[in-house]
Amino acid sequence: MASFVIDSELYKGIYGSEEMNKVFSDESLLQKWLDAEAALAIAEAEVGLIPEEAAREIAQKAKFDNLDMPTISKGIVDTSHPLITLIRSLEKICDGDAGGYVHWGATTQDIMDTAVVLQIKEAQDIVSAQLKTFLETCLTLAVKHKETIMPGRTHGQHALPVTLGYKMAIWADEIGRHLERLEEGKKRYLMGQFAGAAGTLASISESGLEVQEKYCRILGLEQPTITWHVGRDGFAEFASIIAMISGTIGKIANEIINLQRSEIGEIEEGFAMGKVGSSTMPHKRNPMVCEYVVGLTRIVQRNASLGFDGMMQEHERDMTFWLTEWSYLPQICMMTSGGIQQLQGVLEGLIVHQENMTKNLYLLQGLIVSENLMLKLGKYVGRQVAHDIIYDVSMKAFEEKRPLLETALEHKEIMIHMDEEEVRSHLNPKSYIGLCTQFVDRVEKKWSPLVINQTNR
């Protein structure tokens, strides 16, 4: 019976993605323990440490279907040890004396750490693929809307005109940087763990590094320079990147929520008949999916902080924080993947209300481009004097609820240097979007090769 939101038949569609949930399933974890044990046996046989026949037998029997899950589960409780029952079970099903070579020279943490790394390796591949698809969608929307003018906002207030494509290009650029971080981080945290009881490889010291190199190579992992039993910075880095990815996804979702407000209404989470916003207010079209995503981000970022706690290890081994990794790493991966999946659907069905953007652009009757008028006037009277003049006419327009054009035309010093047509042209919001379109082109040029490579793979 499921008792957690990720496994819940009711909620799992909100909290995770099916593909990622499989990576962190019990079946997947147990198989990765077995994969590590098999790789160790093969590596040791290659250097003549154990018989080749024993290694082949161990590798052949190290399959999930050969073991009994209830026995493993009960054994973990009965022994208070996370791995000994699996070791004993694998030993029993191996023919001949092969079972006596299972787990040779290893310590429990070697196998369990390696299994977690194998899981996050798969998880990273899934997240990277999701992000590349998401990046492609952001770039497509950015190019499509690079000239769709809307109010830019700072501190929750109208600032200067921007374009929707410019806003989306910022999202895309951030996603691209996350993909770079994931790629660059591989060499630091996708490392195998095989170091023995105190990390010194004393149990097989004569061939320890050679076995370790082969073990990591078989598993497709990096070989560490030294044991990382108590060096958990790799997991902290991975958790940080995942938390940042989730933060970007949450930021985008939150922006859509805000821009969908009834008073703004510029963009809207996709809607189809049958989607219900409220159980009591029939008219509601709530950004429910985006709200789910923001909620997931909060959970991910708080859980990811356990990665920093886990760096505080004692002596040569410490289980007090090691235990947290089995919980928080799966959760942040599953929930981040779920958030990306949810928001991908939102962007694919995004509704853009361009007429509301245009209406809002003129909401302040010219005040949104007061900077343009100030800078043009500054050419004649200096920037600070111009600022003071435009401040006065802007506050007058604001307080009297009149167009800035009217109050500007009434100001003698402005009219000494400009005629009415100049003032009017300087207060046209559509003429003051800066380099929005060029920035979209720059972002598209930088990251589109990444998307093309993903598509062609």
Protein backbone atom coordinates (compact mmCIF):
# COMPACT_ATOMS: atom_id res chain seq x y z
CA MET A 1 0.00 0.00 0.00
CA ALA A 2 1.47 3.34 -1.07
CA SER A 3 1.84 5.94 1.67
CA PHE A 4 4.00 8.65 0.05
CA VAL A 5 2.99 11.13 -2.62
CA ILE A 6 5.52 9.90 -5.19
CA ASP A 7 4.19 6.34 -5.00
CA SER A 8 0.56 7.30 -4.45
CA GLU A 9 -1.84 6.23 -7.17
CA LEU A 10 -3.69 9.47 -6.42
CA TYR A 11 -0.81 11.96 -6.52
CA LYS A 12 2.11 10.39 -8.41
CA GLY A 13 1.12 12.11 -11.66
CA ILE A 14 1.70 15.47 -9.98
CA TYR A 15 4.84 14.75 -7.96
CA GLY A 16 7.02 12.84 -10.41
CA SER A 17 7.54 11.39 -13.85
CA GLU A 18 7.09 7.69 -14.50
CA GLU A 19 10.48 7.37 -16.18
CA MET A 20 12.32 8.91 -13.24
CA ASN A 21 10.32 6.97 -10.66
CA LYS A 22 11.56 3.72 -12.25
CA VAL A 23 15.17 4.82 -11.79
CA PHE A 24 14.68 5.03 -8.03
CA SER A 25 12.43 2.00 -7.63
CA ASP A 26 13.37 -0.80 -5.23
CA GLU A 27 13.96 -3.06 -8.21
CA SER A 28 16.37 -0.58 -9.75
CA LEU A 29 18.27 0.00 -6.52
CA LEU A 30 18.64 -3.71 -5.72
CA GLN A 31 19.84 -4.43 -9.27
CA LYS A 32 22.43 -1.68 -8.98
CA TRP A 33 23.74 -3.23 -5.75
CA LEU A 34 24.07 -6.44 -7.71
CA ASP A 35 25.68 -4.64 -10.66
CA ALA A 36 28.32 -3.24 -8.33
CA GLU A 37 29.00 -6.66 -6.78
CA ALA A 38 29.28 -8.22 -10.26
CA ALA A 39 31.60 -5.48 -11.52
CA LEU A 40 33.81 -5.93 -8.47
CA ALA A 41 34.08 -9.67 -9.03
CA ILE A 42 34.92 -9.22 -12.72
CA ALA A 43 37.55 -6.57 -11.96
CA GLU A 44 39.16 -8.76 -9.31
CA ALA A 45 39.21 -11.74 -11.65
CA GLU A 46 40.92 -9.65 -14.34
CA VAL A 47 43.88 -9.04 -12.03
CA GLY A 48 43.92 -12.63 -10.78
CA LEU A 49 42.63 -11.83 -7.30
CA ILE A 50 39.71 -14.28 -7.52
CA PRO A 51 39.06 -17.16 -9.96
CA GLU A 52 37.57 -16.23 -13.31
CA GLU A 53 34.94 -18.97 -12.97
CA ALA A 54 33.80 -17.47 -9.67
CA ALA A 55 33.51 -14.00 -11.21
CA ARG A 56 31.47 -15.36 -14.12
CA GLU A 57 29.14 -17.20 -11.74
CA ILE A 58 28.68 -14.14 -9.53
CA ALA A 59 27.95 -11.91 -12.54
CA GLN A 60 25.50 -14.45 -13.97
CA LYS A 61 23.56 -14.81 -10.71
CA ALA A 62 23.62 -11.08 -9.86
CA LYS A 63 20.16 -10.48 -11.31
CA PHE A 64 17.14 -9.09 -9.52
CA ASP A 65 14.91 -11.99 -10.59
CA ASN A 66 17.23 -14.46 -8.84
CA LEU A 67 16.60 -12.92 -5.41
CA ASP A 68 13.57 -12.70 -3.16
CA MET A 69 12.58 -9.12 -2.37
CA PRO A 70 10.61 -9.92 0.83
CA THR A 71 13.64 -11.81 2.18
CA ILE A 72 15.94 -8.87 1.46
CA SER A 73 13.47 -6.42 2.99
CA LYS A 74 12.97 -8.49 6.16
CA GLY A 75 16.70 -9.07 6.47
CA ILE A 76 17.45 -5.34 6.47
CA VAL A 77 15.13 -4.94 9.47
CA ASP A 78 16.29 -8.08 11.30
CA THR A 79 20.02 -7.41 10.93
CA SER A 80 19.82 -3.58 11.15
CA HIS A 81 22.23 -3.70 8.22
CA PRO A 82 21.31 -2.43 4.74
CA LEU A 83 23.34 -4.90 2.64
CA ILE A 84 24.35 -8.05 4.50
CA THR A 85 21.17 -9.97 3.57
CA LEU A 86 21.74 -9.28 -0.14
CA ILE A 87 25.36 -10.45 0.16
CA ARG A 88 24.27 -13.66 1.89
CA SER A 89 21.48 -14.23 -0.63
CA LEU A 90 23.80 -13.78 -3.60
CA GLU A 91 26.38 -16.05 -2.00
CA LYS A 92 23.78 -18.83 -1.52
CA ILE A 93 22.57 -18.90 -5.12
CA CYS A 94 26.08 -19.07 -6.60
CA ASP A 95 27.20 -22.57 -7.56
CA GLY A 96 30.36 -24.18 -6.22
CA ASP A 97 32.65 -22.05 -4.14
CA ALA A 98 31.92 -18.86 -6.14
CA GLY A 99 29.76 -17.44 -3.37
CA GLY A 100 32.79 -17.24 -1.13
CA TYR A 101 34.22 -14.52 -3.38
CA VAL A 102 31.18 -12.20 -3.28
CA HIS A 103 32.01 -8.75 -1.84
CA TRP A 104 35.72 -9.59 -1.70
CA GLY A 105 37.69 -6.73 -0.11
CA ALA A 106 34.72 -4.35 -0.20
CA THR A 107 32.80 -2.59 2.50
CA THR A 108 29.06 -1.98 2.50
CA GLN A 109 29.39 1.70 1.71
CA ASP A 110 31.41 0.92 -1.43
CA ILE A 111 28.50 -0.98 -2.94
CA MET A 112 25.74 1.31 -1.71
CA ASP A 113 27.47 4.54 -2.71
CA THR A 114 28.20 3.15 -6.16
CA ALA A 115 24.57 2.11 -6.57
CA VAL A 116 23.38 5.62 -5.70
CA VAL A 117 25.84 7.08 -8.22
CA LEU A 118 24.52 4.70 -10.87
CA GLN A 119 21.02 5.93 -10.07
CA ILE A 120 21.90 9.61 -10.32
CA LYS A 121 23.78 8.88 -13.56
CA GLU A 122 20.52 7.58 -15.05
CA ALA A 123 18.60 10.41 -13.43
CA GLN A 124 20.96 12.99 -14.93
CA ASP A 125 20.46 11.52 -18.40
CA ILE A 126 16.69 11.85 -17.99
CA VAL A 127 16.85 15.40 -16.64
CA SER A 128 19.29 16.44 -19.39
CA ALA A 129 17.00 15.06 -22.11
CA GLN A 130 13.99 16.78 -20.54
CA LEU A 131 15.87 20.07 -20.30
CA LYS A 132 16.98 19.93 -23.93
CA THR A 133 13.37 19.46 -25.02
CA PHE A 134 12.35 22.27 -22.68
CA LEU A 135 15.14 24.47 -24.04
CA GLU A 136 13.96 23.82 -27.59
CA THR A 137 10.43 24.88 -26.64
CA CYS A 138 11.68 28.04 -24.93
CA LEU A 139 13.81 28.97 -27.96
CA THR A 140 10.94 28.36 -30.36
CA LEU A 141 8.63 30.57 -28.31
CA ALA A 142 11.32 33.22 -27.86
CA VAL A 143 11.88 33.53 -31.60
CA LYS A 144 8.14 33.49 -32.29
CA HIS A 145 7.49 36.30 -29.81
CA LYS A 146 10.71 38.30 -30.06
CA GLU A 147 8.71 41.32 -31.29
CA THR A 148 5.62 40.75 -29.12
CA ILE A 149 5.81 43.91 -27.00
CA MET A 150 4.62 43.89 -23.40
CA PRO A 151 5.25 45.86 -20.22
CA GLY A 152 8.48 45.05 -18.45
CA ARG A 153 8.16 45.09 -14.68
CA THR A 154 10.56 45.75 -11.84
CA HIS A 155 9.52 45.66 -8.19
CA GLY A 156 6.07 44.61 -9.36
CA GLN A 157 5.58 47.91 -11.23
CA HIS A 158 5.76 48.87 -14.91
CA ALA A 159 9.38 49.65 -15.83
CA LEU A 160 10.16 49.76 -19.56
CA PRO A 161 8.69 47.92 -22.54
CA VAL A 162 10.17 44.49 -23.27
CA THR A 163 9.11 41.66 -25.53
CA LEU A 164 7.70 38.30 -24.52
CA GLY A 165 10.43 36.64 -26.58
CA TYR A 166 13.09 38.50 -24.60
CA LYS A 167 11.58 37.23 -21.35
CA MET A 168 11.54 33.66 -22.68
CA ALA A 169 15.10 33.95 -23.99
CA ILE A 170 16.21 34.67 -20.43
CA TRP A 171 14.53 31.42 -19.41
CA ALA A 172 16.26 29.56 -22.24
CA ASP A 173 19.68 30.94 -21.40
CA GLU A 174 19.29 29.83 -17.79
CA ILE A 175 18.30 26.32 -18.88
CA GLY A 176 21.33 26.19 -21.17
CA ARG A 177 23.63 27.04 -18.27
CA HIS A 178 22.09 24.25 -16.19
CA LEU A 179 22.85 21.80 -18.99
CA GLU A 180 26.46 22.98 -18.94
CA ARG A 181 26.61 22.47 -15.18
CA LEU A 182 25.29 18.93 -15.46
CA GLU A 183 27.84 18.06 -18.15
CA GLU A 184 30.76 19.64 -16.30
CA GLY A 185 29.80 18.04 -12.99
CA LYS A 186 29.98 14.46 -14.27
CA LYS A 187 33.72 14.12 -13.64
CA ARG A 188 33.28 15.20 -10.03
CA TYR A 189 30.23 13.29 -8.83
CA LEU A 190 29.71 10.33 -11.17
CA MET A 191 32.50 8.42 -9.42
CA GLY A 192 32.59 4.81 -8.36
CA GLN A 193 33.27 3.89 -4.76
CA PHE A 194 35.57 1.02 -3.86
CA ALA A 195 37.96 1.65 -1.01
CA GLY A 196 37.44 -0.97 1.72
CA ALA A 197 36.73 -0.68 5.41
CA ALA A 198 38.52 2.58 6.23
CA GLY A 199 39.05 3.75 2.67
CA THR A 200 42.67 2.57 2.46
CA LEU A 201 42.13 -0.53 0.27
CA ALA A 202 44.19 -2.45 2.81
CA SER A 203 42.21 -5.63 2.06
CA ILE A 204 43.66 -5.87 -1.46
CA SER A 205 46.37 -3.24 -1.33
CA GLU A 206 48.73 -5.04 -3.71
CA SER A 207 46.25 -4.63 -6.58
CA GLY A 208 43.77 -2.19 -5.08
CA LEU A 209 44.07 0.71 -7.52
CA GLU A 210 44.05 -1.59 -10.52
CA VAL A 211 40.88 -3.30 -9.31
CA GLN A 212 39.33 0.07 -8.54
CA GLU A 213 40.09 1.36 -12.05
CA LYS A 214 38.60 -1.71 -13.71
CA TYR A 215 35.60 -1.70 -11.39
CA CYS A 216 34.79 1.93 -12.27
CA ARG A 217 35.40 1.36 -15.97
CA ILE A 218 33.03 -1.63 -16.07
CA LEU A 219 30.32 0.49 -14.46
CA GLY A 220 30.98 3.52 -16.68
CA LEU A 221 32.01 5.72 -13.77
CA GLU A 222 34.99 7.93 -12.97
CA GLN A 223 37.77 6.56 -10.77
CA PRO A 224 38.27 8.68 -7.65
CA THR A 225 41.69 9.99 -6.65
CA ILE A 226 41.06 8.89 -3.08
CA THR A 227 38.12 7.43 -1.20
CA TRP A 228 35.08 9.68 -0.81
CA HIS A 229 33.47 7.75 2.06
CA VAL A 230 33.42 10.98 4.05
CA GLY A 231 33.85 13.35 1.11
CA ARG A 232 30.26 14.03 0.15
CA ASP A 233 30.81 17.24 -1.80
CA GLY A 234 29.95 15.41 -5.04
CA PHE A 235 26.42 14.68 -3.91
CA ALA A 236 26.14 18.21 -2.52
CA GLU A 237 27.12 19.60 -5.94
CA PHE A 238 24.68 17.37 -7.77
CA ALA A 239 21.90 18.30 -5.34
CA SER A 240 22.74 21.98 -5.81
CA ILE A 241 22.45 21.73 -9.58
CA ILE A 242 19.15 19.87 -9.33
CA ALA A 243 17.89 22.49 -6.87
CA MET A 244 18.91 25.28 -9.26
CA ILE A 245 17.17 23.55 -12.15
CA SER A 246 14.06 23.24 -10.02
CA GLY A 247 14.42 26.90 -9.06
CA THR A 248 14.40 27.96 -12.71
CA ILE A 249 11.38 25.79 -13.46
CA GLY A 250 9.61 27.19 -10.41
CA LYS A 251 10.52 30.76 -11.39
CA ILE A 252 9.01 30.32 -14.84
CA ALA A 253 5.87 28.75 -13.40
CA ASN A 254 5.54 31.58 -10.89
CA GLU A 255 5.92 34.17 -13.65
CA ILE A 256 3.09 32.55 -15.59
CA ILE A 257 0.95 32.57 -12.45
CA ASN A 258 1.54 36.29 -12.02
CA LEU A 259 0.99 37.18 -15.66
CA GLN A 260 -2.24 35.19 -15.64
CA ARG A 261 -3.70 37.34 -12.85
CA SER A 262 -7.11 38.70 -13.76
CA GLU A 263 -5.78 42.28 -13.61
CA ILE A 264 -2.93 41.44 -16.03
CA GLY A 265 -4.11 38.57 -18.22
CA GLU A 266 -1.16 38.61 -20.62
CA ILE A 267 -0.39 34.89 -20.80
CA GLU A 268 -2.32 31.87 -19.62
CA GLU A 269 -1.64 28.27 -18.79
CA GLY A 270 -3.23 26.15 -21.49
CA PHE A 271 -6.94 25.54 -21.09
CA ALA A 272 -9.26 22.89 -22.45
CA MET A 273 -12.91 22.25 -21.68
CA GLY A 274 -13.10 19.97 -18.68
CA LYS A 275 -10.25 21.59 -16.77
CA VAL A 276 -11.73 22.84 -13.48
CA GLY A 277 -10.28 25.75 -11.55
CA SER A 278 -12.51 25.64 -8.51
CA SER A 279 -14.99 23.26 -6.91
CA THR A 280 -17.25 26.16 -5.97
CA MET A 281 -16.54 29.01 -8.41
CA PRO A 282 -17.44 27.81 -11.92
CA HIS A 283 -15.79 30.78 -13.63
CA LYS A 284 -12.24 30.13 -12.37
CA ARG A 285 -9.42 29.35 -14.83
CA ASN A 286 -6.64 28.87 -12.31
CA PRO A 287 -2.98 28.20 -13.22
CA MET A 288 -3.20 24.91 -11.34
CA VAL A 289 -0.32 23.12 -13.06
CA CYS A 290 2.05 26.05 -12.52
CA GLU A 291 1.06 26.07 -8.87
CA TYR A 292 1.94 22.39 -8.66
CA VAL A 293 5.35 23.17 -10.13
CA VAL A 294 6.06 25.97 -7.65
CA GLY A 295 5.10 23.64 -4.82
CA LEU A 296 7.48 20.96 -6.11
CA THR A 297 10.29 23.52 -6.29
CA ARG A 298 9.86 24.36 -2.63
CA ILE A 299 10.10 20.71 -1.62
CA VAL A 300 13.14 20.08 -3.85
CA GLN A 301 15.10 23.08 -2.63
CA ARG A 302 14.55 22.31 1.01
CA ASN A 303 15.43 18.64 0.60
CA ALA A 304 18.51 19.48 -1.45
CA SER A 305 19.96 21.37 1.51
CA LEU A 306 20.52 17.97 3.15
CA GLY A 307 23.40 17.62 0.70
CA PHE A 308 25.26 20.31 2.63
CA ASP A 309 24.45 18.68 5.97
CA GLY A 310 25.81 15.42 4.56
CA MET A 311 29.23 16.99 4.08
CA MET A 312 29.72 17.06 7.86
CA GLN A 313 31.09 13.54 8.33
CA GLU A 314 33.09 12.19 11.26
CA HIS A 315 36.41 10.37 11.06
CA GLU A 316 36.62 7.72 8.29
CA ARG A 317 32.96 6.72 8.26
CA ASP A 318 29.70 8.16 9.53
CA MET A 319 26.22 6.83 8.84
CA THR A 320 24.21 9.59 10.52
CA PHE A 321 24.15 11.72 7.37
CA TRP A 322 24.85 8.95 4.86
CA LEU A 323 21.34 7.70 5.56
CA THR A 324 19.76 10.97 4.38
CA GLU A 325 21.14 10.50 0.86
CA TRP A 326 18.96 7.44 0.27
CA SER A 327 15.95 9.68 0.87
CA TYR A 328 16.67 13.17 -0.43
CA LEU A 329 18.50 12.30 -3.66
CA PRO A 330 15.64 10.20 -5.10
CA GLN A 331 13.07 12.78 -4.01
CA ILE A 332 14.75 15.80 -5.56
CA CYS A 333 15.37 13.94 -8.82
CA MET A 334 11.83 12.61 -9.09
CA MET A 335 10.16 15.89 -8.17
CA THR A 336 12.38 17.98 -10.42
CA SER A 337 11.70 15.64 -13.32
CA GLY A 338 7.99 15.87 -12.53
CA GLY A 339 8.16 19.66 -12.47
CA ILE A 340 9.92 19.83 -15.84
CA GLN A 341 7.37 17.44 -17.33
CA GLN A 342 4.45 19.48 -16.00
CA LEU A 343 5.85 22.82 -17.18
CA GLN A 344 6.75 21.39 -20.59
CA GLY A 345 3.06 20.75 -21.11
CA VAL A 346 2.22 24.27 -19.96
CA LEU A 347 4.59 25.90 -22.47
CA GLU A 348 3.39 23.68 -25.30
CA GLY A 349 -0.18 24.83 -24.64
CA LEU A 350 0.59 28.40 -23.55
CA ILE A 351 -2.04 30.99 -24.47
CA VAL A 352 -0.70 34.47 -25.28
CA HIS A 353 -3.14 37.36 -24.95
CA GLN A 354 -1.34 39.94 -27.08
CA GLU A 355 -4.27 42.34 -26.95
CA ASN A 356 -3.93 42.54 -23.17
CA MET A 357 -0.21 43.17 -23.47
CA THR A 358 -0.92 46.11 -25.77
CA LYS A 359 -3.62 47.41 -23.46
CA ASN A 360 -1.34 47.15 -20.42
CA LEU A 361 1.47 48.82 -22.32
CA TYR A 362 -0.62 52.01 -22.39
CA LEU A 363 -2.06 51.55 -18.90
CA LEU A 364 0.11 54.31 -17.44
CA GLN A 365 -0.53 56.62 -20.37
CA GLY A 366 3.08 57.06 -21.44
CA LEU A 367 4.84 56.82 -18.09
CA ILE A 368 6.40 53.50 -19.07
CA VAL A 369 8.76 55.33 -21.43
CA SER A 370 9.53 58.36 -19.29
CA GLU A 371 13.19 57.30 -19.39
CA ASN A 372 13.28 57.77 -23.17
CA LEU A 373 11.93 61.30 -22.92
CA MET A 374 14.36 62.07 -20.09
CA LEU A 375 17.41 60.90 -22.06
CA LYS A 376 16.35 62.81 -25.17
CA LEU A 377 15.89 65.97 -23.11
CA GLY A 378 19.19 65.28 -21.34
CA LYS A 379 21.05 65.93 -24.57
CA TYR A 380 20.07 69.57 -24.19
CA VAL A 381 20.02 70.18 -20.42
CA GLY A 382 22.07 67.35 -18.92
CA ARG A 383 20.88 64.07 -17.52
CA GLN A 384 20.18 65.07 -13.91
CA VAL A 385 18.32 68.26 -14.82
CA ALA A 386 16.31 66.27 -17.34
CA HIS A 387 15.56 63.65 -14.67
CA ASP A 388 14.17 66.31 -12.36
CA ILE A 389 12.03 67.83 -15.09
CA ILE A 390 10.59 64.52 -16.28
CA TYR A 391 10.08 63.46 -12.65
CA ASP A 392 7.93 66.55 -12.09
CA VAL A 393 5.79 66.06 -15.19
CA SER A 394 5.54 62.30 -14.52
CA MET A 395 4.32 62.76 -10.95
CA LYS A 396 1.84 65.37 -12.17
CA ALA A 397 0.55 62.93 -14.79
CA PHE A 398 0.34 60.17 -12.20
CA GLU A 399 -1.48 62.22 -9.58
CA GLU A 400 -3.88 63.86 -12.04
CA LYS A 401 -4.39 60.59 -13.96
CA ARG A 402 -3.49 62.29 -17.23
CA PRO A 403 -1.29 61.16 -20.14
CA LEU A 404 2.38 62.05 -19.76
CA LEU A 405 2.20 63.57 -23.22
CA GLU A 406 -0.19 66.27 -21.93
CA THR A 407 1.87 67.25 -18.88
CA ALA A 408 5.09 67.19 -20.92
CA LEU A 409 3.65 69.49 -23.57
CA GLU A 410 2.68 71.94 -20.81
CA HIS A 411 6.25 72.20 -19.52
CA LYS A 412 8.01 75.21 -21.00
CA GLU A 413 11.59 73.96 -20.75
CA ILE A 414 10.76 70.73 -22.55
CA MET A 415 9.06 72.61 -25.34
CA ILE A 416 12.02 74.97 -25.75
CA HIS A 417 14.07 72.03 -27.01
CA MET A 418 11.46 69.80 -28.65
CA ASP A 419 8.34 70.17 -30.71
CA GLU A 420 5.12 68.21 -30.10
CA GLU A 421 5.89 65.56 -32.72
CA GLU A 422 9.26 64.79 -31.10
CA VAL A 423 7.72 64.44 -27.65
CA ARG A 424 4.99 62.23 -29.03
CA SER A 425 7.48 59.95 -30.81
CA HIS A 426 9.67 59.65 -27.71
CA LEU A 427 6.64 58.50 -25.70
CA ASN A 428 5.73 55.70 -28.09
CA PRO A 429 6.30 52.46 -26.10
CA LYS A 430 6.77 50.40 -29.26
CA SER A 431 9.84 52.42 -30.21
CA TYR A 432 11.70 51.73 -26.96
CA ILE A 433 12.40 48.01 -26.63
CA GLY A 434 16.17 48.36 -26.73
CA LEU A 435 18.01 45.25 -27.89
CA CYS A 436 15.26 42.77 -27.07
CA THR A 437 15.22 41.20 -30.51
CA GLN A 438 19.02 41.07 -30.73
CA PHE A 439 19.23 39.36 -27.34
CA VAL A 440 16.76 36.72 -28.49
CA ASP A 441 18.92 36.11 -31.56
CA ARG A 442 22.05 35.81 -29.40
CA VAL A 443 20.47 33.26 -27.09
CA GLU A 444 19.04 31.28 -30.00
CA LYS A 445 22.43 31.23 -31.72
CA LYS A 446 24.23 30.06 -28.58
CA TRP A 447 21.93 27.23 -27.53
CA SER A 448 20.28 25.98 -30.73
CA PRO A 449 23.26 23.68 -31.54
CA LEU A 450 22.58 21.87 -28.27
CA VAL A 451 18.98 21.34 -29.32
CA ILE A 452 19.97 20.23 -32.84
CA ASN A 453 22.43 17.70 -31.40
CA GLN A 454 19.69 16.35 -29.14
CA THR A 455 17.28 16.03 -32.07
CA ASN A 456 19.81 14.25 -34.26
CA ARG A 457 20.90 11.81 -31.58
